[in-house]
Amino acid sequence: MDLSCGENLQNSGNSSNGRSVDMCVAGPDRALDRDPRLLHNLLTLERAHALHTDYFEHVQIDIQPFMRKIVTTWMLEVCEEQQCEEQVFPLAVSYMDRFLAQRAISRQQLQLLGVTAMLLASKFRQCHPLSVDLLCAYTDNSVLPDEVRQWEVMLLQRLNWQLSIATAFDFVEPFLARVPWGRTNPLVRTHALTLISVCYTETEFLLVPPSLIAVACITAAARGLRVRMSVGELCALTRAPAAAAELVARHVERVLARATQPPEPRARPAPPAKAPATDTTQLQVTPTDVQDIHF
């Protein structure tokens, strides 16, 4: 059997921002992506680790949905700045959601959980994991390295040491490899992965299966690029209802429009109206500040 390697070994281990960046990334394996066992195993993993209840209503007391939005957006910015592998961010968010579905924590511990989840995801998905000290520096040292190491063990125990979780990123390549328009439009993959990252920061997609998120984001990306496609082709791969995929795809488009909408300019405050001159014989109004009293 003839084996070939298409990786650029010269770029492996380059230094960027004071750390080693592994640029030796393998390309898509078409034989693997078309293997029917791949989708079957991904769907099995998806069902095994699916969230069935909204933990904001049944588990968490001190944490609100907007707090998760803030922390996950910060996690995405850290992963992008550190040039992490594509799978690190969605996997870290999945770890965090699975933990929050089991144990209630305080709002002061939410960023600590996000740091720990990124540490585990980077260890699992890339050759050069993020260091504990680097992640703590991103928190302005509000999180201590010893706390991260303690929470790393606790997070592993809560996850039952099951770190192989199917994310929406995992479904993109197999889906695009099985539709005729998937390989001819490389921008569809890039835009779909961007939309998936946005979805993982939104609590509205918390209970949506990763495969359905992938179908919806691919659909929204193809529509934005004016690529002729059919939602039914993607739904046939997962046996998901086409109506559900269309509903999620439209919601993804609304979220994208909301995220890209420029902020409204703040209106300038109107100048205070001048008080009319009062007659000197009229009694003065009782002052409300003690500094206005003249003894």
C-alpha atoms as a PDB file:
ATOM      1  CA  MET A   1       0.000   0.000   0.000  1.00  0.00           C
ATOM      2  CA  ASP A   2       1.337   3.436  -0.939  1.00  0.00           C
ATOM      3  CA  LEU A   3       0.972   6.014   1.819  1.00  0.00           C
ATOM      4  CA  SER A   4       1.554   9.709   1.246  1.00  0.00           C
ATOM      5  CA  CYS A   5       1.885  12.567   3.705  1.00  0.00           C
ATOM      6  CA  GLY A   6       0.633  16.002   2.702  1.00  0.00           C
ATOM      7  CA  GLU A   7       1.634  17.767   5.900  1.00  0.00           C
ATOM      8  CA  ASN A   8       4.154  20.597   5.937  1.00  0.00           C
ATOM      9  CA  LEU A   9       6.615  19.387   8.552  1.00  0.00           C
ATOM     10  CA  GLN A  10       8.800  22.491   8.239  1.00  0.00           C
ATOM     11  CA  ASN A  11       6.152  24.654   9.896  1.00  0.00           C
ATOM     12  CA  SER A  12       5.649  22.342  12.855  1.00  0.00           C
ATOM     13  CA  GLY A  13       6.539  23.885  16.199  1.00  0.00           C
ATOM     14  CA  ASN A  14       6.831  27.491  15.039  1.00  0.00           C
ATOM     15  CA  SER A  15       6.773  30.111  17.766  1.00  0.00           C
ATOM     16  CA  SER A  16       3.936  32.611  17.940  1.00  0.00           C
ATOM     17  CA  ASN A  17       3.184  34.916  20.851  1.00  0.00           C
ATOM     18  CA  GLY A  18       5.743  33.157  22.999  1.00  0.00           C
ATOM     19  CA  ARG A  19       4.419  29.632  22.527  1.00  0.00           C
ATOM     20  CA  SER A  20       4.807  26.784  20.065  1.00  0.00           C
ATOM     21  CA  VAL A  21       2.117  26.600  17.426  1.00  0.00           C
ATOM     22  CA  ASP A  22       1.605  23.298  15.657  1.00  0.00           C
ATOM     23  CA  MET A  23       1.061  24.162  12.001  1.00  0.00           C
ATOM     24  CA  CYS A  24       1.394  20.515  10.990  1.00  0.00           C
ATOM     25  CA  VAL A  25      -2.320  19.921  10.409  1.00  0.00           C
ATOM     26  CA  ALA A  26      -3.554  17.093   8.231  1.00  0.00           C
ATOM     27  CA  GLY A  27      -6.057  17.845   5.508  1.00  0.00           C
ATOM     28  CA  PRO A  28      -9.461  16.204   5.181  1.00  0.00           C
ATOM     29  CA  ASP A  29      -9.444  12.462   4.614  1.00  0.00           C
ATOM     30  CA  ARG A  30     -11.992  11.833   1.870  1.00  0.00           C
ATOM     31  CA  ALA A  31     -11.958   8.081   2.412  1.00  0.00           C
ATOM     32  CA  LEU A  32     -12.723   8.569   6.091  1.00  0.00           C
ATOM     33  CA  ASP A  33     -15.345  11.252   5.523  1.00  0.00           C
ATOM     34  CA  ARG A  34     -17.264   8.993   3.136  1.00  0.00           C
ATOM     35  CA  ASP A  35     -17.091   5.943   5.372  1.00  0.00           C
ATOM     36  CA  PRO A  36     -20.654   5.166   6.573  1.00  0.00           C
ATOM     37  CA  ARG A  37     -19.336   4.128   9.979  1.00  0.00           C
ATOM     38  CA  LEU A  38     -18.140   7.676  10.666  1.00  0.00           C
ATOM     39  CA  LEU A  39     -21.591   9.283  10.726  1.00  0.00           C
ATOM     40  CA  HIS A  40     -22.998   6.320  12.642  1.00  0.00           C
ATOM     41  CA  ASN A  41     -20.376   6.691  15.380  1.00  0.00           C
ATOM     42  CA  LEU A  42     -20.809  10.472  15.533  1.00  0.00           C
ATOM     43  CA  LEU A  43     -24.574  10.181  15.919  1.00  0.00           C
ATOM     44  CA  THR A  44     -24.082   7.548  18.628  1.00  0.00           C
ATOM     45  CA  LEU A  45     -21.742   9.877  20.541  1.00  0.00           C
ATOM     46  CA  GLU A  46     -24.209  12.703  20.094  1.00  0.00           C
ATOM     47  CA  ARG A  47     -27.039  10.730  21.667  1.00  0.00           C
ATOM     48  CA  ALA A  48     -24.828   9.512  24.511  1.00  0.00           C
ATOM     49  CA  HIS A  49     -23.815  13.011  25.629  1.00  0.00           C
ATOM     50  CA  ALA A  50     -26.881  15.032  24.691  1.00  0.00           C
ATOM     51  CA  LEU A  51     -28.330  17.602  27.087  1.00  0.00           C
ATOM     52  CA  HIS A  52     -32.006  16.974  27.749  1.00  0.00           C
ATOM     53  CA  THR A  53     -32.863  19.764  30.196  1.00  0.00           C
ATOM     54  CA  ASP A  54     -32.106  23.441  30.485  1.00  0.00           C
ATOM     55  CA  TYR A  55     -29.721  23.633  33.431  1.00  0.00           C
ATOM     56  CA  PHE A  56     -30.549  27.301  33.972  1.00  0.00           C
ATOM     57  CA  GLU A  57     -34.011  26.228  35.112  1.00  0.00           C
ATOM     58  CA  HIS A  58     -33.239  23.015  37.002  1.00  0.00           C
ATOM     59  CA  VAL A  59     -29.627  23.138  38.249  1.00  0.00           C
ATOM     60  CA  GLN A  60     -28.033  26.569  38.251  1.00  0.00           C
ATOM     61  CA  ILE A  61     -29.268  29.171  40.739  1.00  0.00           C
ATOM     62  CA  ASP A  62     -26.694  31.955  40.622  1.00  0.00           C
ATOM     63  CA  ILE A  63     -25.749  31.784  36.923  1.00  0.00           C
ATOM     64  CA  GLN A  64     -27.844  33.476  34.252  1.00  0.00           C
ATOM     65  CA  PRO A  65     -27.805  32.862  30.460  1.00  0.00           C
ATOM     66  CA  PHE A  66     -26.136  36.196  29.700  1.00  0.00           C
ATOM     67  CA  MET A  67     -23.216  35.184  31.940  1.00  0.00           C
ATOM     68  CA  ARG A  68     -22.617  32.076  29.829  1.00  0.00           C
ATOM     69  CA  LYS A  69     -22.739  34.285  26.739  1.00  0.00           C
ATOM     70  CA  ILE A  70     -20.018  36.554  28.162  1.00  0.00           C
ATOM     71  CA  VAL A  71     -17.732  33.697  29.202  1.00  0.00           C
ATOM     72  CA  THR A  72     -18.108  31.684  25.981  1.00  0.00           C
ATOM     73  CA  THR A  73     -17.440  34.780  23.861  1.00  0.00           C
ATOM     74  CA  TRP A  74     -14.293  35.376  25.901  1.00  0.00           C
ATOM     75  CA  MET A  75     -13.296  31.724  25.392  1.00  0.00           C
ATOM     76  CA  LEU A  76     -13.741  32.100  21.630  1.00  0.00           C
ATOM     77  CA  GLU A  77     -11.533  35.202  21.592  1.00  0.00           C
ATOM     78  CA  VAL A  78      -8.804  33.400  23.545  1.00  0.00           C
ATOM     79  CA  CYS A  79      -8.885  30.398  21.197  1.00  0.00           C
ATOM     80  CA  GLU A  80      -8.723  32.632  18.132  1.00  0.00           C
ATOM     81  CA  GLU A  81      -5.866  34.722  19.501  1.00  0.00           C
ATOM     82  CA  GLN A  82      -3.889  31.611  20.419  1.00  0.00           C
ATOM     83  CA  GLN A  83      -4.598  30.031  17.017  1.00  0.00           C
ATOM     84  CA  CYS A  84      -6.058  26.909  18.569  1.00  0.00           C
ATOM     85  CA  GLU A  85      -7.338  24.011  16.529  1.00  0.00           C
ATOM     86  CA  GLU A  86     -10.886  24.445  15.239  1.00  0.00           C
ATOM     87  CA  GLN A  87     -12.203  21.748  17.560  1.00  0.00           C
ATOM     88  CA  VAL A  88     -10.869  23.232  20.808  1.00  0.00           C
ATOM     89  CA  PHE A  89     -13.499  25.914  21.338  1.00  0.00           C
ATOM     90  CA  PRO A  90     -16.684  23.855  20.708  1.00  0.00           C
ATOM     91  CA  LEU A  91     -15.260  20.974  22.716  1.00  0.00           C
ATOM     92  CA  ALA A  92     -14.463  23.282  25.654  1.00  0.00           C
ATOM     93  CA  VAL A  93     -17.995  24.694  25.594  1.00  0.00           C
ATOM     94  CA  SER A  94     -19.401  21.161  25.513  1.00  0.00           C
ATOM     95  CA  TYR A  95     -17.326  20.239  28.572  1.00  0.00           C
ATOM     96  CA  MET A  96     -18.570  23.329  30.375  1.00  0.00           C
ATOM     97  CA  ASP A  97     -22.230  22.672  29.532  1.00  0.00           C
ATOM     98  CA  ARG A  98     -22.031  19.052  30.673  1.00  0.00           C
ATOM     99  CA  PHE A  99     -20.527  20.170  33.977  1.00  0.00           C
ATOM    100  CA  LEU A 100     -23.136  22.893  34.493  1.00  0.00           C
ATOM    101  CA  ALA A 101     -25.888  20.357  33.849  1.00  0.00           C
ATOM    102  CA  GLN A 102     -24.687  18.329  36.851  1.00  0.00           C
ATOM    103  CA  ARG A 103     -23.450  20.749  39.485  1.00  0.00           C
ATOM    104  CA  ALA A 104     -24.473  24.232  40.582  1.00  0.00           C
ATOM    105  CA  ILE A 105     -21.684  26.787  40.910  1.00  0.00           C
ATOM    106  CA  SER A 106     -21.476  30.479  41.724  1.00  0.00           C
ATOM    107  CA  ARG A 107     -21.007  33.201  39.148  1.00  0.00           C
ATOM    108  CA  GLN A 108     -17.489  33.831  40.481  1.00  0.00           C
ATOM    109  CA  GLN A 109     -16.529  30.288  39.459  1.00  0.00           C
ATOM    110  CA  LEU A 110     -17.862  30.414  35.888  1.00  0.00           C
ATOM    111  CA  GLN A 111     -14.696  31.834  34.303  1.00  0.00           C
ATOM    112  CA  LEU A 112     -12.613  29.335  36.275  1.00  0.00           C
ATOM    113  CA  LEU A 113     -14.733  26.563  34.751  1.00  0.00           C
ATOM    114  CA  GLY A 114     -14.216  28.045  31.276  1.00  0.00           C
ATOM    115  CA  VAL A 115     -10.446  28.155  31.765  1.00  0.00           C
ATOM    116  CA  THR A 116     -10.396  24.537  32.924  1.00  0.00           C
ATOM    117  CA  ALA A 117     -12.557  23.421  30.009  1.00  0.00           C
ATOM    118  CA  MET A 118     -10.229  25.131  27.507  1.00  0.00           C
ATOM    119  CA  LEU A 119      -7.238  23.491  29.144  1.00  0.00           C
ATOM    120  CA  LEU A 120      -8.764  20.023  28.812  1.00  0.00           C
ATOM    121  CA  ALA A 121      -9.983  20.609  25.253  1.00  0.00           C
ATOM    122  CA  SER A 122      -6.570  21.846  24.123  1.00  0.00           C
ATOM    123  CA  LYS A 123      -4.900  18.805  25.683  1.00  0.00           C
ATOM    124  CA  PHE A 124      -7.337  16.508  23.927  1.00  0.00           C
ATOM    125  CA  ARG A 125      -7.447  18.141  20.493  1.00  0.00           C
ATOM    126  CA  GLN A 126      -4.034  19.647  19.710  1.00  0.00           C
ATOM    127  CA  CYS A 127      -0.390  18.728  20.045  1.00  0.00           C
ATOM    128  CA  HIS A 128       0.637  21.856  21.956  1.00  0.00           C
ATOM    129  CA  PRO A 129      -1.956  22.479  24.691  1.00  0.00           C
ATOM    130  CA  LEU A 130      -2.563  25.847  26.254  1.00  0.00           C
ATOM    131  CA  SER A 131      -0.565  26.341  29.441  1.00  0.00           C
ATOM    132  CA  VAL A 132      -2.180  26.972  32.793  1.00  0.00           C
ATOM    133  CA  ASP A 133      -0.191  30.157  33.368  1.00  0.00           C
ATOM    134  CA  LEU A 134      -1.193  31.537  29.976  1.00  0.00           C
ATOM    135  CA  LEU A 135      -4.876  30.915  30.593  1.00  0.00           C
ATOM    136  CA  CYS A 136      -4.649  32.515  34.034  1.00  0.00           C
ATOM    137  CA  ALA A 137      -2.980  35.559  32.478  1.00  0.00           C
ATOM    138  CA  TYR A 138      -5.999  35.959  30.192  1.00  0.00           C
ATOM    139  CA  THR A 139      -8.148  36.330  33.310  1.00  0.00           C
ATOM    140  CA  ASP A 140      -5.936  39.160  34.640  1.00  0.00           C
ATOM    141  CA  ASN A 141      -4.777  36.621  37.249  1.00  0.00           C
ATOM    142  CA  SER A 142      -8.214  36.515  38.840  1.00  0.00           C
ATOM    143  CA  VAL A 143      -7.931  32.729  38.456  1.00  0.00           C
ATOM    144  CA  LEU A 144      -4.973  31.044  40.144  1.00  0.00           C
ATOM    145  CA  PRO A 145      -3.035  28.127  38.622  1.00  0.00           C
ATOM    146  CA  ASP A 146      -3.637  25.926  41.667  1.00  0.00           C
ATOM    147  CA  GLU A 147      -7.383  26.452  41.304  1.00  0.00           C
ATOM    148  CA  VAL A 148      -7.248  25.383  37.648  1.00  0.00           C
ATOM    149  CA  ARG A 149      -5.356  22.195  38.515  1.00  0.00           C
ATOM    150  CA  GLN A 150      -7.854  21.336  41.229  1.00  0.00           C
ATOM    151  CA  TRP A 151     -10.809  21.983  38.945  1.00  0.00           C
ATOM    152  CA  GLU A 152      -9.200  19.977  36.169  1.00  0.00           C
ATOM    153  CA  VAL A 153      -9.436  16.822  38.290  1.00  0.00           C
ATOM    154  CA  MET A 154     -12.962  17.690  39.394  1.00  0.00           C
ATOM    155  CA  LEU A 155     -14.095  18.358  35.812  1.00  0.00           C
ATOM    156  CA  LEU A 156     -12.646  15.050  34.646  1.00  0.00           C
ATOM    157  CA  GLN A 157     -14.515  13.245  37.405  1.00  0.00           C
ATOM    158  CA  ARG A 158     -17.792  14.977  36.536  1.00  0.00           C
ATOM    159  CA  LEU A 159     -17.305  14.083  32.869  1.00  0.00           C
ATOM    160  CA  ASN A 160     -16.564  10.502  33.924  1.00  0.00           C
ATOM    161  CA  TRP A 161     -13.293  10.836  31.978  1.00  0.00           C
ATOM    162  CA  GLN A 162     -15.262  10.728  28.730  1.00  0.00           C
ATOM    163  CA  LEU A 163     -13.621  13.497  26.710  1.00  0.00           C
ATOM    164  CA  SER A 164     -14.499  12.259  23.236  1.00  0.00           C
ATOM    165  CA  ILE A 165     -17.648  14.243  22.508  1.00  0.00           C
ATOM    166  CA  ALA A 166     -19.227  14.889  19.129  1.00  0.00           C
ATOM    167  CA  THR A 167     -19.497  18.597  18.342  1.00  0.00           C
ATOM    168  CA  ALA A 168     -21.105  20.359  15.405  1.00  0.00           C
ATOM    169  CA  PHE A 169     -17.628  20.876  13.934  1.00  0.00           C
ATOM    170  CA  ASP A 170     -17.216  17.094  13.605  1.00  0.00           C
ATOM    171  CA  PHE A 171     -20.253  16.826  11.312  1.00  0.00           C
ATOM    172  CA  VAL A 172     -19.260  19.506   8.793  1.00  0.00           C
ATOM    173  CA  GLU A 173     -16.664  17.532   6.841  1.00  0.00           C
ATOM    174  CA  PRO A 174     -18.719  14.297   6.578  1.00  0.00           C
ATOM    175  CA  PHE A 175     -21.790  16.269   5.482  1.00  0.00           C
ATOM    176  CA  LEU A 176     -19.977  18.261   2.809  1.00  0.00           C
ATOM    177  CA  ALA A 177     -18.235  15.118   1.530  1.00  0.00           C
ATOM    178  CA  ARG A 178     -21.604  13.470   0.863  1.00  0.00           C
ATOM    179  CA  VAL A 179     -23.361  16.225  -1.082  1.00  0.00           C
ATOM    180  CA  PRO A 180     -22.392  17.104  -4.675  1.00  0.00           C
ATOM    181  CA  TRP A 181     -22.036  20.840  -3.998  1.00  0.00           C
ATOM    182  CA  GLY A 182     -19.990  20.413  -0.808  1.00  0.00           C
ATOM    183  CA  ARG A 183     -16.473  20.046  -2.233  1.00  0.00           C
ATOM    184  CA  THR A 184     -16.894  22.506  -5.090  1.00  0.00           C
ATOM    185  CA  ASN A 185     -17.503  25.441  -2.745  1.00  0.00           C
ATOM    186  CA  PRO A 186     -14.743  25.612  -0.092  1.00  0.00           C
ATOM    187  CA  LEU A 187     -16.137  28.863   1.321  1.00  0.00           C
ATOM    188  CA  VAL A 188     -19.219  26.996   2.519  1.00  0.00           C
ATOM    189  CA  ARG A 189     -17.085  25.112   5.033  1.00  0.00           C
ATOM    190  CA  THR A 190     -15.348  28.268   6.265  1.00  0.00           C
ATOM    191  CA  HIS A 191     -18.585  30.194   6.718  1.00  0.00           C
ATOM    192  CA  ALA A 192     -20.331  27.219   8.308  1.00  0.00           C
ATOM    193  CA  LEU A 193     -17.605  26.826  10.928  1.00  0.00           C
ATOM    194  CA  THR A 194     -17.843  30.533  11.730  1.00  0.00           C
ATOM    195  CA  LEU A 195     -21.597  30.255  12.202  1.00  0.00           C
ATOM    196  CA  ILE A 196     -21.145  27.193  14.415  1.00  0.00           C
ATOM    197  CA  SER A 197     -18.765  29.132  16.657  1.00  0.00           C
ATOM    198  CA  VAL A 198     -21.393  31.842  17.049  1.00  0.00           C
ATOM    199  CA  CYS A 199     -24.037  29.230  17.871  1.00  0.00           C
ATOM    200  CA  TYR A 200     -21.890  27.784  20.651  1.00  0.00           C
ATOM    201  CA  THR A 201     -21.885  31.182  22.372  1.00  0.00           C
ATOM    202  CA  GLU A 202     -25.691  31.439  22.282  1.00  0.00           C
ATOM    203  CA  THR A 203     -27.815  29.756  24.936  1.00  0.00           C
ATOM    204  CA  GLU A 204     -30.702  29.457  22.460  1.00  0.00           C
ATOM    205  CA  PHE A 205     -28.928  26.474  20.846  1.00  0.00           C
ATOM    206  CA  LEU A 206     -28.142  24.756  24.143  1.00  0.00           C
ATOM    207  CA  LEU A 207     -30.529  21.825  23.602  1.00  0.00           C
ATOM    208  CA  VAL A 208     -30.159  21.592  19.821  1.00  0.00           C
ATOM    209  CA  PRO A 209     -28.238  18.450  18.745  1.00  0.00           C
ATOM    210  CA  PRO A 210     -24.808  19.158  17.217  1.00  0.00           C
ATOM    211  CA  SER A 211     -25.752  17.421  13.972  1.00  0.00           C
ATOM    212  CA  LEU A 212     -28.769  19.706  13.558  1.00  0.00           C
ATOM    213  CA  ILE A 213     -26.629  22.771  14.296  1.00  0.00           C
ATOM    214  CA  ALA A 214     -24.202  21.646  11.607  1.00  0.00           C
ATOM    215  CA  VAL A 215     -27.010  21.155   9.068  1.00  0.00           C
ATOM    216  CA  ALA A 216     -28.485  24.570   9.877  1.00  0.00           C
ATOM    217  CA  CYS A 217     -25.151  26.398   9.691  1.00  0.00           C
ATOM    218  CA  ILE A 218     -24.191  24.730   6.404  1.00  0.00           C
ATOM    219  CA  THR A 219     -27.594  25.695   5.024  1.00  0.00           C
ATOM    220  CA  ALA A 220     -27.264  29.296   6.175  1.00  0.00           C
ATOM    221  CA  ALA A 221     -23.708  29.507   4.806  1.00  0.00           C
ATOM    222  CA  ALA A 222     -24.728  28.103   1.419  1.00  0.00           C
ATOM    223  CA  ARG A 223     -27.618  30.537   1.170  1.00  0.00           C
ATOM    224  CA  GLY A 224     -25.395  33.451   2.039  1.00  0.00           C
ATOM    225  CA  LEU A 225     -22.989  32.417  -0.724  1.00  0.00           C
ATOM    226  CA  ARG A 226     -25.876  31.792  -3.163  1.00  0.00           C
ATOM    227  CA  VAL A 227     -24.977  28.140  -3.597  1.00  0.00           C
ATOM    228  CA  ARG A 228     -27.702  25.937  -5.011  1.00  0.00           C
ATOM    229  CA  MET A 229     -28.400  23.295  -2.413  1.00  0.00           C
ATOM    230  CA  SER A 230     -31.157  21.309  -0.762  1.00  0.00           C
ATOM    231  CA  VAL A 231     -31.801  21.012   2.952  1.00  0.00           C
ATOM    232  CA  GLY A 232     -33.316  17.595   2.337  1.00  0.00           C
ATOM    233  CA  GLU A 233     -29.962  16.214   1.174  1.00  0.00           C
ATOM    234  CA  LEU A 234     -28.382  17.097   4.531  1.00  0.00           C
ATOM    235  CA  CYS A 235     -31.361  15.961   6.598  1.00  0.00           C
ATOM    236  CA  ALA A 236     -31.313  12.564   4.881  1.00  0.00           C
ATOM    237  CA  LEU A 237     -27.859  11.970   6.362  1.00  0.00           C
ATOM    238  CA  THR A 238     -29.109  12.391   9.942  1.00  0.00           C
ATOM    239  CA  ARG A 239     -32.789  11.502   9.462  1.00  0.00           C
ATOM    240  CA  ALA A 240     -33.701  14.854  10.966  1.00  0.00           C
ATOM    241  CA  PRO A 241     -36.968  16.508   9.885  1.00  0.00           C
ATOM    242  CA  ALA A 242     -36.438  19.072   7.151  1.00  0.00           C
ATOM    243  CA  ALA A 243     -38.841  21.448   8.902  1.00  0.00           C
ATOM    244  CA  ALA A 244     -36.732  21.404  12.075  1.00  0.00           C
ATOM    245  CA  ALA A 245     -33.536  22.052  10.122  1.00  0.00           C
ATOM    246  CA  GLU A 246     -35.177  24.926   8.264  1.00  0.00           C
ATOM    247  CA  LEU A 247     -36.381  26.419  11.543  1.00  0.00           C
ATOM    248  CA  VAL A 248     -32.920  26.269  13.103  1.00  0.00           C
ATOM    249  CA  ALA A 249     -31.300  27.639   9.930  1.00  0.00           C
ATOM    250  CA  ARG A 250     -33.565  30.676   9.977  1.00  0.00           C
ATOM    251  CA  HIS A 251     -32.771  31.213  13.627  1.00  0.00           C
ATOM    252  CA  VAL A 252     -29.043  31.042  12.814  1.00  0.00           C
ATOM    253  CA  GLU A 253     -29.554  33.727  10.169  1.00  0.00           C
ATOM    254  CA  ARG A 254     -31.348  35.938  12.695  1.00  0.00           C
ATOM    255  CA  VAL A 255     -28.564  35.478  15.236  1.00  0.00           C
ATOM    256  CA  LEU A 256     -25.979  36.333  12.595  1.00  0.00           C
ATOM    257  CA  ALA A 257     -27.871  39.464  11.574  1.00  0.00           C
ATOM    258  CA  ARG A 258     -28.103  40.490  15.208  1.00  0.00           C
ATOM    259  CA  ALA A 259     -24.396  39.890  15.814  1.00  0.00           C
ATOM    260  CA  THR A 260     -23.288  41.841  12.732  1.00  0.00           C
ATOM    261  CA  GLN A 261     -25.658  44.750  13.255  1.00  0.00           C
ATOM    262  CA  PRO A 262     -23.709  47.925  14.087  1.00  0.00           C
ATOM    263  CA  PRO A 263     -24.458  49.411  17.503  1.00  0.00           C
ATOM    264  CA  GLU A 264     -26.901  52.279  17.518  1.00  0.00           C
ATOM    265  CA  PRO A 265     -25.293  55.670  18.163  1.00  0.00           C
ATOM    266  CA  ARG A 266     -26.070  57.056  21.539  1.00  0.00           C
ATOM    267  CA  ALA A 267     -28.200  60.160  21.498  1.00  0.00           C
ATOM    268  CA  ARG A 268     -26.641  63.200  23.043  1.00  0.00           C
ATOM    269  CA  PRO A 269     -28.338  64.269  26.264  1.00  0.00           C
ATOM    270  CA  ALA A 270     -30.474  67.351  25.899  1.00  0.00           C
ATOM    271  CA  PRO A 271     -29.141  70.445  27.683  1.00  0.00           C
ATOM    272  CA  PRO A 272     -30.918  71.153  30.957  1.00  0.00           C
ATOM    273  CA  ALA A 273     -33.683  73.699  30.675  1.00  0.00           C
ATOM    274  CA  LYS A 274     -33.068  76.962  32.446  1.00  0.00           C
ATOM    275  CA  ALA A 275     -35.264  77.503  35.428  1.00  0.00           C
ATOM    276  CA  PRO A 276     -37.529  80.561  35.123  1.00  0.00           C
ATOM    277  CA  ALA A 277     -36.586  83.536  37.243  1.00  0.00           C
ATOM    278  CA  THR A 278     -38.582  83.576  40.453  1.00  0.00           C
ATOM    279  CA  ASP A 279     -39.816  86.578  42.350  1.00  0.00           C
ATOM    280  CA  THR A 280     -37.582  87.529  45.279  1.00  0.00           C
ATOM    281  CA  THR A 281     -40.613  87.758  47.524  1.00  0.00           C
ATOM    282  CA  GLN A 282     -41.565  84.151  46.792  1.00  0.00           C
ATOM    283  CA  LEU A 283     -40.611  81.569  49.387  1.00  0.00           C
ATOM    284  CA  GLN A 284     -37.653  79.398  48.365  1.00  0.00           C
ATOM    285  CA  VAL A 285     -38.075  75.688  47.823  1.00  0.00           C
ATOM    286  CA  THR A 286     -36.765  73.490  50.608  1.00  0.00           C
ATOM    287  CA  PRO A 287     -33.226  72.358  49.628  1.00  0.00           C
ATOM    288  CA  THR A 288     -32.701  68.615  49.123  1.00  0.00           C
ATOM    289  CA  ASP A 289     -28.912  68.656  49.644  1.00  0.00           C
ATOM    290  CA  VAL A 290     -27.283  69.676  52.888  1.00  0.00           C
ATOM    291  CA  GLN A 291     -24.686  71.660  50.916  1.00  0.00           C
ATOM    292  CA  ASP A 292     -27.430  73.935  49.611  1.00  0.00           C
ATOM    293  CA  ILE A 293     -28.291  75.198  53.107  1.00  0.00           C
ATOM    294  CA  HIS A 294     -26.775  78.574  53.944  1.00  0.00           C
ATOM    295  CA  PHE A 295     -26.419  79.171  57.657  1.00  0.00           C
END
